[in-house]
Amino acid sequence: MGSMPSNGRSQHDESHCGAPVGAASSPSPPVIATGERLVFTVAEAGALLGVSRAFAYELVARGELPVIRLGRRILVPKAALLQMVDAASRIS
């Protein structure tokens, strides 16, 4: 077919994701970087919060640490963890 432009991108790559330039846009969903995790284990969330693994599981049992359950796995969503910390920092 033709040669690829010197910038290494095909002519079909669009930096504006197909939206017309200058068009009003609604808030877009957050962009997730490759390799960025969306969830943490309870132990990892505890470490990020600076509490022990046991206390992190206690927070889950009391409903104070938001979690999602996938089968037997208990995971803490990054967004919920950030919201929790943000809300606590506003109170202090």
Protein backbone atom coordinates (compact mmCIF):
# COMPACT_ATOMS: atom_id res chain seq x y z
CA MET A 1 0.00 0.00 0.00
CA GLY A 2 1.57 3.44 0.63
CA SER A 3 4.43 4.39 2.83
CA MET A 4 3.83 5.28 6.45
CA PRO A 5 4.40 8.93 7.44
CA SER A 6 7.71 9.69 9.13
CA ASN A 7 6.01 10.14 12.53
CA GLY A 8 5.19 6.40 12.62
CA ARG A 9 1.43 6.90 12.68
CA SER A 10 -0.93 5.86 9.96
CA GLN A 11 -3.03 8.48 8.24
CA HIS A 12 -6.10 7.05 9.99
CA ASP A 13 -4.85 7.79 13.52
CA GLU A 14 -6.85 10.70 14.90
CA SER A 15 -5.71 12.55 18.00
CA HIS A 16 -9.21 13.88 18.58
CA CYS A 17 -10.87 10.43 18.59
CA GLY A 18 -13.08 11.20 15.61
CA ALA A 19 -14.91 14.15 17.24
CA PRO A 20 -15.17 17.21 15.03
CA VAL A 21 -12.66 19.87 15.96
CA GLY A 22 -14.28 22.67 17.96
CA ALA A 23 -17.46 20.68 18.64
CA ALA A 24 -18.98 20.90 22.10
CA SER A 25 -18.18 17.76 23.98
CA SER A 26 -19.60 16.16 27.08
CA PRO A 27 -17.24 15.20 29.90
CA SER A 28 -15.24 12.25 28.73
CA PRO A 29 -14.60 9.21 30.92
CA PRO A 30 -11.25 9.12 32.69
CA VAL A 31 -8.36 7.94 30.56
CA ILE A 32 -6.64 4.88 31.99
CA ALA A 33 -2.94 4.61 31.29
CA THR A 34 -1.68 1.27 30.13
CA GLY A 35 -0.62 -0.76 33.15
CA GLU A 36 -2.52 1.47 35.59
CA ARG A 37 -4.44 -0.67 38.04
CA LEU A 38 -8.11 -0.05 38.72
CA VAL A 39 -8.30 -2.17 41.87
CA PHE A 40 -6.09 -3.17 44.78
CA THR A 41 -6.19 -6.15 47.10
CA VAL A 42 -7.32 -5.40 50.64
CA ALA A 43 -3.74 -5.80 51.85
CA GLU A 44 -2.44 -3.36 49.20
CA ALA A 45 -5.16 -0.83 50.05
CA GLY A 46 -4.25 -1.16 53.72
CA ALA A 47 -0.60 -0.52 52.94
CA LEU A 48 -1.54 2.56 50.88
CA LEU A 49 -3.63 3.83 53.79
CA GLY A 50 -0.87 3.07 56.28
CA VAL A 51 -2.81 0.48 58.25
CA SER A 52 -2.19 -3.21 58.86
CA ARG A 53 -3.61 -5.95 56.67
CA ALA A 54 -5.76 -7.16 59.59
CA PHE A 55 -7.18 -3.68 60.21
CA ALA A 56 -7.89 -3.25 56.48
CA TYR A 57 -9.96 -6.47 56.54
CA GLU A 58 -11.71 -5.20 59.68
CA LEU A 59 -12.63 -2.01 57.82
CA VAL A 60 -14.07 -4.17 55.02
CA ALA A 61 -16.12 -6.20 57.51
CA ARG A 62 -17.48 -2.98 59.06
CA GLY A 63 -18.33 -1.59 55.61
CA GLU A 64 -15.93 1.35 56.01
CA LEU A 65 -13.65 0.32 53.15
CA PRO A 66 -15.58 0.05 49.86
CA VAL A 67 -14.96 -3.20 48.01
CA ILE A 68 -16.12 -5.24 45.05
CA ARG A 69 -16.24 -9.00 45.16
CA LEU A 70 -15.26 -11.09 42.16
CA GLY A 71 -15.83 -14.68 43.12
CA ARG A 72 -13.77 -15.19 46.27
CA ARG A 73 -11.57 -12.17 45.61
CA ILE A 74 -12.18 -8.97 47.54
CA LEU A 75 -10.87 -5.93 45.71
CA VAL A 76 -10.78 -2.24 46.60
CA PRO A 77 -11.50 0.04 43.63
CA LYS A 78 -8.88 2.75 43.21
CA ALA A 79 -11.58 5.37 42.57
CA ALA A 80 -13.42 4.49 45.79
CA LEU A 81 -10.18 4.56 47.77
CA LEU A 82 -9.31 8.01 46.39
CA GLN A 83 -12.84 9.30 47.14
CA MET A 84 -12.65 7.96 50.68
CA VAL A 85 -9.31 9.67 51.34
CA ASP A 86 -10.49 12.88 49.69
CA ALA A 87 -13.67 12.98 51.80
CA ALA A 88 -11.69 12.34 54.99
CA SER A 89 -9.21 15.11 54.15
CA ARG A 90 -12.06 17.61 53.70
CA ILE A 91 -13.39 16.81 57.19
CA SER A 92 -10.00 17.30 58.87
